[in-house]
Amino acid sequence: MAQYDPPQPLWKRNLAGILDFVLAFTVFAILAAQVFPATGLPTFIARNPNIHALSLNAFVATIGLTVGYFIILGGTGGTVFQRLFAMRRIVPGADIRVVMKTIVRSDEKRRVRIYQRDDGLYSFIEERRVRGSDGEPCWRPYPSFAALCPSADAAESQARAAIGWVGLMP
């Protein structure tokens, strides 16, 4: 589930989702109907000019494009209505001021960073090593836990309790 800064009310998140779905589905259904014309319709539907139908191919394309809309725009800063409603997503690790400690898993594919935030509190973020678009290894945030602690030691103990492999590390 997406986290927003500042936290958004439930009605606003739901309304943005519904409006985004209606927008994407309508636009993509119209486009798909142009690309995949409805053929092989029952005679009654084919003769009635007031009935418009989508072919199965157009329907499948519409569903695929709608899902792609949410995946692509959701990952790049928000969908159309999230942006119109000024719903800024929290970028994991964006509030990092000073990294206090880094704990790396033995296979070096994951790490946890204990850091001090801009507001003076401490937190942690789990990251995993992946290959970037250029083929070089880089660290990407893993679905994170929310923890605000008064000290770096408290943040580390929260990380050890929340993330299984960290509790096994010395």
N, C-alpha and C. Protein backbone atom coordinates (compact mmCIF):
# COMPACT_ATOMS: atom_id res chain seq x y z
N MET A 1 0.84 -1.17 0.00
CA MET A 1 0.00 0.00 0.00
C MET A 1 0.89 1.25 0.00
N ALA A 2 0.50 2.22 -0.75
CA ALA A 2 1.30 3.44 -0.86
C ALA A 2 1.16 4.30 0.40
N GLN A 3 2.25 4.96 0.76
CA GLN A 3 2.24 5.89 1.87
C GLN A 3 2.40 7.28 1.29
N TYR A 4 1.65 8.22 1.85
CA TYR A 4 1.64 9.57 1.31
C TYR A 4 2.17 10.56 2.34
N ASP A 5 2.76 11.63 1.84
CA ASP A 5 3.30 12.69 2.68
C ASP A 5 2.65 14.00 2.28
N PRO A 6 1.80 14.59 3.08
CA PRO A 6 1.28 14.12 4.36
C PRO A 6 0.25 13.00 4.14
N PRO A 7 -0.08 12.25 5.20
CA PRO A 7 -1.06 11.18 5.05
C PRO A 7 -2.38 11.71 4.49
N GLN A 8 -2.96 10.98 3.53
CA GLN A 8 -4.18 11.41 2.86
C GLN A 8 -5.38 10.67 3.43
N PRO A 9 -6.54 11.35 3.48
CA PRO A 9 -7.74 10.67 3.98
C PRO A 9 -8.18 9.55 3.04
N LEU A 10 -8.87 8.57 3.61
CA LEU A 10 -9.30 7.40 2.85
C LEU A 10 -10.20 7.78 1.68
N TRP A 11 -11.11 8.73 1.87
CA TRP A 11 -12.01 9.10 0.79
C TRP A 11 -11.25 9.66 -0.41
N LYS A 12 -10.17 10.39 -0.14
CA LYS A 12 -9.40 10.99 -1.22
C LYS A 12 -8.63 9.92 -2.00
N ARG A 13 -8.05 8.95 -1.29
CA ARG A 13 -7.33 7.86 -1.96
C ARG A 13 -8.28 7.02 -2.79
N ASN A 14 -9.46 6.70 -2.23
CA ASN A 14 -10.44 5.89 -2.95
C ASN A 14 -10.99 6.63 -4.16
N LEU A 15 -11.31 7.92 -4.00
CA LEU A 15 -11.83 8.70 -5.11
C LEU A 15 -10.81 8.79 -6.24
N ALA A 16 -9.57 9.02 -5.91
CA ALA A 16 -8.52 9.07 -6.93
C ALA A 16 -8.40 7.73 -7.65
N GLY A 17 -8.47 6.63 -6.92
CA GLY A 17 -8.39 5.31 -7.53
C GLY A 17 -9.55 5.03 -8.46
N ILE A 18 -10.76 5.36 -8.02
CA ILE A 18 -11.95 5.13 -8.86
C ILE A 18 -11.89 5.99 -10.12
N LEU A 19 -11.58 7.27 -9.97
CA LEU A 19 -11.51 8.16 -11.12
C LEU A 19 -10.40 7.74 -12.09
N ASP A 20 -9.26 7.32 -11.55
CA ASP A 20 -8.17 6.84 -12.40
C ASP A 20 -8.60 5.59 -13.18
N PHE A 21 -9.30 4.68 -12.51
CA PHE A 21 -9.75 3.47 -13.19
C PHE A 21 -10.73 3.80 -14.30
N VAL A 22 -11.71 4.66 -14.02
CA VAL A 22 -12.69 5.04 -15.04
C VAL A 22 -12.00 5.72 -16.22
N LEU A 23 -11.08 6.64 -15.93
CA LEU A 23 -10.36 7.34 -16.99
C LEU A 23 -9.56 6.35 -17.86
N ALA A 24 -8.74 5.53 -17.21
CA ALA A 24 -7.88 4.61 -17.96
C ALA A 24 -8.71 3.60 -18.74
N PHE A 25 -9.72 3.01 -18.10
CA PHE A 25 -10.51 1.99 -18.77
C PHE A 25 -11.25 2.58 -19.96
N THR A 26 -11.83 3.76 -19.82
CA THR A 26 -12.56 4.40 -20.92
C THR A 26 -11.65 4.73 -22.08
N VAL A 27 -10.54 5.38 -21.79
CA VAL A 27 -9.62 5.76 -22.86
C VAL A 27 -9.07 4.53 -23.57
N PHE A 28 -8.63 3.55 -22.80
CA PHE A 28 -8.06 2.36 -23.42
C PHE A 28 -9.11 1.51 -24.13
N ALA A 29 -10.36 1.51 -23.66
CA ALA A 29 -11.42 0.77 -24.36
C ALA A 29 -11.71 1.41 -25.71
N ILE A 30 -11.73 2.73 -25.76
CA ILE A 30 -11.97 3.42 -27.04
C ILE A 30 -10.83 3.13 -28.01
N LEU A 31 -9.60 3.22 -27.53
CA LEU A 31 -8.44 2.94 -28.39
C LEU A 31 -8.42 1.48 -28.85
N ALA A 32 -8.69 0.56 -27.94
CA ALA A 32 -8.66 -0.86 -28.29
C ALA A 32 -9.78 -1.21 -29.26
N ALA A 33 -10.93 -0.56 -29.14
CA ALA A 33 -12.04 -0.81 -30.06
C ALA A 33 -11.68 -0.37 -31.48
N GLN A 34 -10.83 0.65 -31.59
CA GLN A 34 -10.38 1.09 -32.91
C GLN A 34 -9.38 0.11 -33.51
N VAL A 35 -8.54 -0.46 -32.67
CA VAL A 35 -7.50 -1.38 -33.15
C VAL A 35 -8.07 -2.77 -33.40
N PHE A 36 -8.95 -3.24 -32.51
CA PHE A 36 -9.55 -4.57 -32.63
C PHE A 36 -11.05 -4.43 -32.85
N PRO A 37 -11.51 -4.30 -34.10
CA PRO A 37 -12.95 -4.14 -34.34
C PRO A 37 -13.71 -5.40 -33.95
N ALA A 38 -14.94 -5.21 -33.50
CA ALA A 38 -15.78 -6.33 -33.07
C ALA A 38 -16.29 -7.07 -34.30
N THR A 39 -15.89 -8.31 -34.44
CA THR A 39 -16.35 -9.14 -35.56
C THR A 39 -16.99 -10.39 -34.99
N GLY A 40 -17.86 -11.00 -35.77
CA GLY A 40 -18.50 -12.23 -35.34
C GLY A 40 -19.53 -12.01 -34.24
N LEU A 41 -20.15 -10.82 -34.22
CA LEU A 41 -21.16 -10.54 -33.21
C LEU A 41 -22.48 -11.20 -33.59
N PRO A 42 -23.34 -11.49 -32.62
CA PRO A 42 -24.67 -12.02 -32.95
C PRO A 42 -25.41 -11.05 -33.87
N THR A 43 -26.28 -11.57 -34.69
CA THR A 43 -26.96 -10.78 -35.71
C THR A 43 -27.72 -9.61 -35.13
N PHE A 44 -28.40 -9.81 -34.02
CA PHE A 44 -29.18 -8.72 -33.41
C PHE A 44 -28.29 -7.55 -33.03
N ILE A 45 -27.14 -7.84 -32.45
CA ILE A 45 -26.23 -6.78 -32.03
C ILE A 45 -25.60 -6.12 -33.25
N ALA A 46 -25.24 -6.90 -34.26
CA ALA A 46 -24.58 -6.36 -35.44
C ALA A 46 -25.50 -5.44 -36.23
N ARG A 47 -26.80 -5.71 -36.24
CA ARG A 47 -27.75 -4.89 -37.01
C ARG A 47 -28.23 -3.66 -36.26
N ASN A 48 -28.07 -3.64 -34.96
CA ASN A 48 -28.56 -2.51 -34.18
C ASN A 48 -27.45 -1.47 -34.06
N PRO A 49 -27.62 -0.27 -34.65
CA PRO A 49 -26.55 0.73 -34.62
C PRO A 49 -26.35 1.38 -33.25
N ASN A 50 -27.29 1.20 -32.34
CA ASN A 50 -27.19 1.82 -31.02
C ASN A 50 -26.38 0.99 -30.03
N ILE A 51 -26.04 -0.22 -30.40
CA ILE A 51 -25.28 -1.10 -29.50
C ILE A 51 -23.83 -1.15 -29.98
N HIS A 52 -22.93 -0.82 -29.08
CA HIS A 52 -21.51 -0.89 -29.38
C HIS A 52 -20.90 -1.98 -28.52
N ALA A 53 -20.11 -2.81 -29.12
CA ALA A 53 -19.55 -3.94 -28.40
C ALA A 53 -18.03 -3.98 -28.58
N LEU A 54 -17.37 -4.53 -27.57
CA LEU A 54 -15.93 -4.75 -27.64
C LEU A 54 -15.67 -6.21 -27.98
N SER A 55 -14.70 -6.44 -28.83
CA SER A 55 -14.31 -7.83 -29.09
C SER A 55 -13.53 -8.34 -27.88
N LEU A 56 -13.35 -9.62 -27.82
CA LEU A 56 -12.60 -10.21 -26.71
C LEU A 56 -11.16 -9.71 -26.71
N ASN A 57 -10.56 -9.59 -27.89
CA ASN A 57 -9.19 -9.07 -27.98
C ASN A 57 -9.11 -7.64 -27.46
N ALA A 58 -10.10 -6.83 -27.81
CA ALA A 58 -10.10 -5.44 -27.35
C ALA A 58 -10.27 -5.38 -25.83
N PHE A 59 -11.10 -6.26 -25.29
CA PHE A 59 -11.32 -6.27 -23.85
C PHE A 59 -10.05 -6.68 -23.11
N VAL A 60 -9.38 -7.70 -23.60
CA VAL A 60 -8.13 -8.15 -22.97
C VAL A 60 -7.06 -7.06 -23.07
N ALA A 61 -6.98 -6.39 -24.22
CA ALA A 61 -6.02 -5.29 -24.38
C ALA A 61 -6.36 -4.15 -23.43
N THR A 62 -7.64 -3.85 -23.27
CA THR A 62 -8.05 -2.78 -22.36
C THR A 62 -7.66 -3.10 -20.92
N ILE A 63 -7.89 -4.32 -20.50
CA ILE A 63 -7.52 -4.72 -19.13
C ILE A 63 -6.00 -4.62 -18.96
N GLY A 64 -5.25 -5.13 -19.92
CA GLY A 64 -3.79 -5.07 -19.84
C GLY A 64 -3.26 -3.65 -19.80
N LEU A 65 -3.80 -2.79 -20.63
CA LEU A 65 -3.35 -1.39 -20.65
C LEU A 65 -3.74 -0.66 -19.36
N THR A 66 -4.90 -0.98 -18.81
CA THR A 66 -5.32 -0.35 -17.56
C THR A 66 -4.41 -0.76 -16.41
N VAL A 67 -4.07 -2.04 -16.35
CA VAL A 67 -3.13 -2.50 -15.32
C VAL A 67 -1.78 -1.84 -15.51
N GLY A 68 -1.33 -1.76 -16.75
CA GLY A 68 -0.06 -1.10 -17.04
C GLY A 68 -0.06 0.37 -16.65
N TYR A 69 -1.18 1.03 -16.84
CA TYR A 69 -1.34 2.43 -16.44
C TYR A 69 -1.04 2.60 -14.95
N PHE A 70 -1.63 1.73 -14.12
CA PHE A 70 -1.43 1.85 -12.68
C PHE A 70 0.00 1.47 -12.29
N ILE A 71 0.57 0.48 -12.94
CA ILE A 71 1.93 0.05 -12.60
C ILE A 71 2.94 1.12 -12.99
N ILE A 72 2.86 1.60 -14.21
CA ILE A 72 3.85 2.56 -14.70
C ILE A 72 3.70 3.92 -14.02
N LEU A 73 2.49 4.47 -14.02
CA LEU A 73 2.33 5.79 -13.41
C LEU A 73 2.43 5.73 -11.89
N GLY A 74 2.00 4.61 -11.29
CA GLY A 74 2.14 4.46 -9.84
C GLY A 74 3.59 4.42 -9.41
N GLY A 75 4.45 3.91 -10.26
CA GLY A 75 5.86 3.83 -9.93
C GLY A 75 6.66 5.07 -10.29
N THR A 76 6.04 6.01 -10.98
CA THR A 76 6.77 7.20 -11.42
C THR A 76 6.21 8.48 -10.83
N GLY A 77 5.66 8.42 -9.64
CA GLY A 77 5.22 9.65 -8.99
C GLY A 77 3.73 9.79 -8.82
N GLY A 78 2.95 8.90 -9.38
CA GLY A 78 1.52 8.94 -9.15
C GLY A 78 0.72 8.97 -10.44
N THR A 79 -0.52 8.51 -10.33
CA THR A 79 -1.42 8.50 -11.48
C THR A 79 -1.96 9.91 -11.71
N VAL A 80 -2.78 10.05 -12.73
CA VAL A 80 -3.29 11.38 -13.11
C VAL A 80 -4.04 12.03 -11.95
N PHE A 81 -4.98 11.32 -11.35
CA PHE A 81 -5.77 11.94 -10.28
C PHE A 81 -5.00 12.05 -8.97
N GLN A 82 -4.02 11.18 -8.73
CA GLN A 82 -3.17 11.36 -7.55
C GLN A 82 -2.40 12.66 -7.68
N ARG A 83 -1.95 12.96 -8.88
CA ARG A 83 -1.23 14.22 -9.10
C ARG A 83 -2.17 15.41 -9.02
N LEU A 84 -3.38 15.28 -9.58
CA LEU A 84 -4.34 16.39 -9.51
C LEU A 84 -4.76 16.70 -8.07
N PHE A 85 -4.85 15.66 -7.25
CA PHE A 85 -5.23 15.85 -5.85
C PHE A 85 -4.02 16.14 -4.96
N ALA A 86 -2.86 16.36 -5.56
CA ALA A 86 -1.61 16.69 -4.84
C ALA A 86 -1.28 15.64 -3.78
N MET A 87 -1.35 14.38 -4.15
CA MET A 87 -1.05 13.28 -3.24
C MET A 87 0.38 12.84 -3.51
N ARG A 88 1.33 13.39 -2.75
CA ARG A 88 2.75 13.04 -2.92
C ARG A 88 3.06 11.76 -2.18
N ARG A 89 3.67 10.82 -2.87
CA ARG A 89 4.07 9.57 -2.22
C ARG A 89 5.37 9.77 -1.47
N ILE A 90 5.50 9.02 -0.40
CA ILE A 90 6.75 9.04 0.37
C ILE A 90 7.78 8.25 -0.41
N VAL A 91 8.92 8.82 -0.60
CA VAL A 91 10.04 8.12 -1.23
C VAL A 91 10.87 7.51 -0.11
N PRO A 92 10.97 6.17 -0.06
CA PRO A 92 11.73 5.56 1.04
C PRO A 92 13.16 6.08 1.07
N GLY A 93 13.58 6.50 2.23
CA GLY A 93 14.93 6.98 2.41
C GLY A 93 15.14 8.44 2.02
N ALA A 94 14.07 9.14 1.61
CA ALA A 94 14.23 10.53 1.17
C ALA A 94 14.54 11.46 2.34
N ASP A 95 14.21 11.05 3.56
CA ASP A 95 14.44 11.90 4.72
C ASP A 95 15.76 11.58 5.43
N ILE A 96 16.64 10.81 4.79
CA ILE A 96 17.91 10.43 5.40
C ILE A 96 18.83 11.64 5.48
N ARG A 97 19.32 11.91 6.68
CA ARG A 97 20.30 12.98 6.84
C ARG A 97 21.69 12.39 7.08
N VAL A 98 21.80 11.46 8.04
CA VAL A 98 23.09 10.84 8.36
C VAL A 98 22.87 9.35 8.55
N VAL A 99 23.65 8.54 7.84
CA VAL A 99 23.59 7.08 8.04
C VAL A 99 24.49 6.76 9.23
N MET A 100 23.90 6.14 10.25
CA MET A 100 24.62 5.84 11.48
C MET A 100 25.30 4.48 11.42
N LYS A 101 24.63 3.48 10.79
CA LYS A 101 25.18 2.13 10.76
C LYS A 101 24.58 1.39 9.57
N THR A 102 25.37 0.51 8.98
CA THR A 102 24.90 -0.33 7.89
C THR A 102 25.17 -1.78 8.26
N ILE A 103 24.14 -2.62 8.19
CA ILE A 103 24.25 -4.04 8.47
C ILE A 103 24.01 -4.77 7.16
N VAL A 104 25.01 -5.52 6.69
CA VAL A 104 24.92 -6.22 5.40
C VAL A 104 24.77 -7.71 5.67
N ARG A 105 23.84 -8.34 4.97
CA ARG A 105 23.63 -9.78 5.09
C ARG A 105 24.84 -10.51 4.54
N SER A 106 25.07 -11.72 5.00
CA SER A 106 26.28 -12.47 4.64
C SER A 106 26.41 -12.71 3.13
N ASP A 107 25.31 -12.84 2.41
CA ASP A 107 25.40 -13.03 0.96
C ASP A 107 25.50 -11.71 0.20
N GLU A 108 25.50 -10.61 0.91
CA GLU A 108 25.65 -9.26 0.39
C GLU A 108 24.57 -8.88 -0.63
N LYS A 109 23.38 -9.48 -0.51
CA LYS A 109 22.27 -9.15 -1.40
C LYS A 109 21.25 -8.24 -0.72
N ARG A 110 21.36 -8.11 0.59
CA ARG A 110 20.47 -7.21 1.33
C ARG A 110 21.27 -6.47 2.38
N ARG A 111 20.76 -5.30 2.74
CA ARG A 111 21.38 -4.54 3.83
C ARG A 111 20.31 -3.70 4.52
N VAL A 112 20.61 -3.32 5.75
CA VAL A 112 19.76 -2.43 6.53
C VAL A 112 20.60 -1.23 6.92
N ARG A 113 20.06 -0.06 6.71
CA ARG A 113 20.76 1.17 7.09
C ARG A 113 20.00 1.84 8.23
N ILE A 114 20.70 2.09 9.31
CA ILE A 114 20.15 2.83 10.45
C ILE A 114 20.53 4.29 10.20
N TYR A 115 19.56 5.18 10.20
CA TYR A 115 19.87 6.57 9.86
C TYR A 115 19.14 7.56 10.75
N GLN A 116 19.68 8.77 10.76
CA GLN A 116 19.04 9.88 11.46
C GLN A 116 18.26 10.67 10.42
N ARG A 117 17.03 10.99 10.76
CA ARG A 117 16.15 11.72 9.85
C ARG A 117 16.36 13.22 9.98
N ASP A 118 15.73 13.95 9.08
CA ASP A 118 15.82 15.41 9.11
C ASP A 118 15.23 16.00 10.40
N ASP A 119 14.23 15.33 10.98
CA ASP A 119 13.60 15.84 12.19
C ASP A 119 14.32 15.43 13.47
N GLY A 120 15.49 14.76 13.36
CA GLY A 120 16.28 14.38 14.53
C GLY A 120 15.98 12.99 15.06
N LEU A 121 14.91 12.35 14.59
CA LEU A 121 14.59 10.99 15.02
C LEU A 121 15.40 10.00 14.20
N TYR A 122 15.37 8.74 14.61
CA TYR A 122 16.13 7.69 13.95
C TYR A 122 15.18 6.66 13.37
N SER A 123 15.60 6.04 12.28
CA SER A 123 14.79 5.01 11.65
C SER A 123 15.72 4.05 10.90
N PHE A 124 15.15 3.11 10.16
CA PHE A 124 15.94 2.17 9.39
C PHE A 124 15.23 1.88 8.07
N ILE A 125 16.02 1.42 7.11
CA ILE A 125 15.46 1.05 5.82
C ILE A 125 16.19 -0.20 5.33
N GLU A 126 15.43 -1.16 4.82
CA GLU A 126 16.02 -2.37 4.24
C GLU A 126 16.15 -2.17 2.74
N GLU A 127 17.28 -2.55 2.19
CA GLU A 127 17.52 -2.41 0.75
C GLU A 127 18.02 -3.74 0.20
N ARG A 128 17.80 -3.96 -1.08
CA ARG A 128 18.30 -5.16 -1.74
C ARG A 128 19.14 -4.76 -2.94
N ARG A 129 20.12 -5.58 -3.23
CA ARG A 129 21.01 -5.32 -4.36
C ARG A 129 20.36 -5.87 -5.63
N VAL A 130 20.24 -5.01 -6.63
CA VAL A 130 19.67 -5.39 -7.93
C VAL A 130 20.56 -4.85 -9.04
N ARG A 131 20.28 -5.25 -10.23
CA ARG A 131 20.98 -4.71 -11.40
C ARG A 131 20.16 -3.55 -11.94
N GLY A 132 20.83 -2.42 -12.15
CA GLY A 132 20.16 -1.25 -12.70
C GLY A 132 19.95 -1.41 -14.19
N SER A 133 19.33 -0.41 -14.81
CA SER A 133 19.06 -0.47 -16.24
C SER A 133 20.35 -0.50 -17.07
N ASP A 134 21.42 0.00 -16.49
CA ASP A 134 22.71 -0.02 -17.20
C ASP A 134 23.51 -1.29 -16.91
N GLY A 135 22.94 -2.22 -16.12
CA GLY A 135 23.61 -3.48 -15.81
C GLY A 135 24.49 -3.43 -14.58
N GLU A 136 24.67 -2.26 -14.02
CA GLU A 136 25.51 -2.10 -12.82
C GLU A 136 24.69 -2.43 -11.58
N PRO A 137 25.31 -3.05 -10.56
CA PRO A 137 24.58 -3.32 -9.32
C PRO A 137 24.28 -2.03 -8.56
N CYS A 138 23.10 -1.97 -7.97
CA CYS A 138 22.71 -0.82 -7.16
C CYS A 138 21.77 -1.30 -6.05
N TRP A 139 21.52 -0.43 -5.07
CA TRP A 139 20.67 -0.78 -3.94
C TRP A 139 19.30 -0.14 -4.15
N ARG A 140 18.24 -0.95 -3.96
CA ARG A 140 16.87 -0.46 -4.06
C ARG A 140 16.15 -0.71 -2.75
N PRO A 141 15.33 0.22 -2.30
CA PRO A 141 14.58 0.00 -1.05
C PRO A 141 13.64 -1.20 -1.17
N TYR A 142 13.59 -1.96 -0.13
CA TYR A 142 12.69 -3.10 -0.02
C TYR A 142 11.45 -2.60 0.70
N PRO A 143 10.29 -3.23 0.56
CA PRO A 143 9.12 -2.74 1.30
C PRO A 143 9.48 -2.51 2.76
N SER A 144 9.38 -1.28 3.17
CA SER A 144 9.96 -0.90 4.46
C SER A 144 8.95 -0.97 5.61
N PHE A 145 9.52 -0.97 6.79
CA PHE A 145 8.75 -0.91 8.02
C PHE A 145 8.80 0.53 8.52
N ALA A 146 7.76 0.97 9.18
CA ALA A 146 7.75 2.32 9.73
C ALA A 146 8.17 2.25 11.19
N ALA A 147 9.25 2.93 11.51
CA ALA A 147 9.72 2.99 12.90
C ALA A 147 10.40 4.32 13.12
N LEU A 148 9.95 5.05 14.10
CA LEU A 148 10.60 6.29 14.50
C LEU A 148 11.09 6.09 15.93
N CYS A 149 12.38 6.26 16.13
CA CYS A 149 12.99 5.96 17.42
C CYS A 149 13.77 7.16 17.91
N PRO A 150 13.93 7.27 19.23
CA PRO A 150 14.67 8.41 19.78
C PRO A 150 16.19 8.27 19.66
N SER A 151 16.70 7.04 19.42
CA SER A 151 18.15 6.85 19.32
C SER A 151 18.48 5.83 18.24
N ALA A 152 19.75 5.83 17.82
CA ALA A 152 20.20 4.88 16.80
C ALA A 152 20.13 3.45 17.34
N ASP A 153 20.45 3.26 18.62
CA ASP A 153 20.38 1.93 19.21
C ASP A 153 18.95 1.40 19.23
N ALA A 154 18.00 2.26 19.53
CA ALA A 154 16.59 1.85 19.53
C ALA A 154 16.14 1.49 18.12
N ALA A 155 16.59 2.24 17.11
CA ALA A 155 16.25 1.93 15.72
C ALA A 155 16.85 0.60 15.30
N GLU A 156 18.09 0.33 15.75
CA GLU A 156 18.72 -0.94 15.42
C GLU A 156 17.97 -2.10 16.06
N SER A 157 17.56 -1.95 17.31
CA SER A 157 16.82 -3.04 17.96
C SER A 157 15.45 -3.25 17.29
N GLN A 158 14.82 -2.18 16.82
CA GLN A 158 13.56 -2.31 16.07
C GLN A 158 13.80 -3.06 14.76
N ALA A 159 14.90 -2.75 14.08
CA ALA A 159 15.22 -3.43 12.83
C ALA A 159 15.50 -4.90 13.07
N ARG A 160 16.21 -5.22 14.15
CA ARG A 160 16.50 -6.62 14.47
C ARG A 160 15.23 -7.39 14.79
N ALA A 161 14.26 -6.72 15.39
CA ALA A 161 13.00 -7.37 15.73
C ALA A 161 12.08 -7.53 14.49
N ALA A 162 12.14 -6.54 13.59
CA ALA A 162 11.22 -6.55 12.45
C ALA A 162 11.72 -7.38 11.27
N ILE A 163 13.01 -7.42 11.06
CA ILE A 163 13.58 -8.09 9.89
C ILE A 163 14.36 -9.32 10.39
N GLY A 164 13.89 -10.49 10.01
CA GLY A 164 14.42 -11.74 10.56
C GLY A 164 15.92 -11.91 10.43
N TRP A 165 16.48 -11.70 9.24
CA TRP A 165 17.91 -11.97 9.06
C TRP A 165 18.78 -11.00 9.83
N VAL A 166 18.31 -9.80 10.14
CA VAL A 166 19.11 -8.82 10.88
C VAL A 166 19.30 -9.31 12.31
N GLY A 167 18.29 -9.95 12.86
CA GLY A 167 18.40 -10.48 14.23
C GLY A 167 19.46 -11.56 14.36
N LEU A 168 19.83 -12.19 13.25
CA LEU A 168 20.84 -13.24 13.28
C LEU A 168 22.24 -12.71 13.08
N MET A 169 22.35 -11.45 12.66
CA MET A 169 23.67 -10.85 12.40
C MET A 169 24.28 -10.34 13.71
N PRO A 170 25.62 -10.40 13.81
CA PRO A 170 26.27 -9.90 15.05
C PRO A 170 26.23 -8.39 15.13
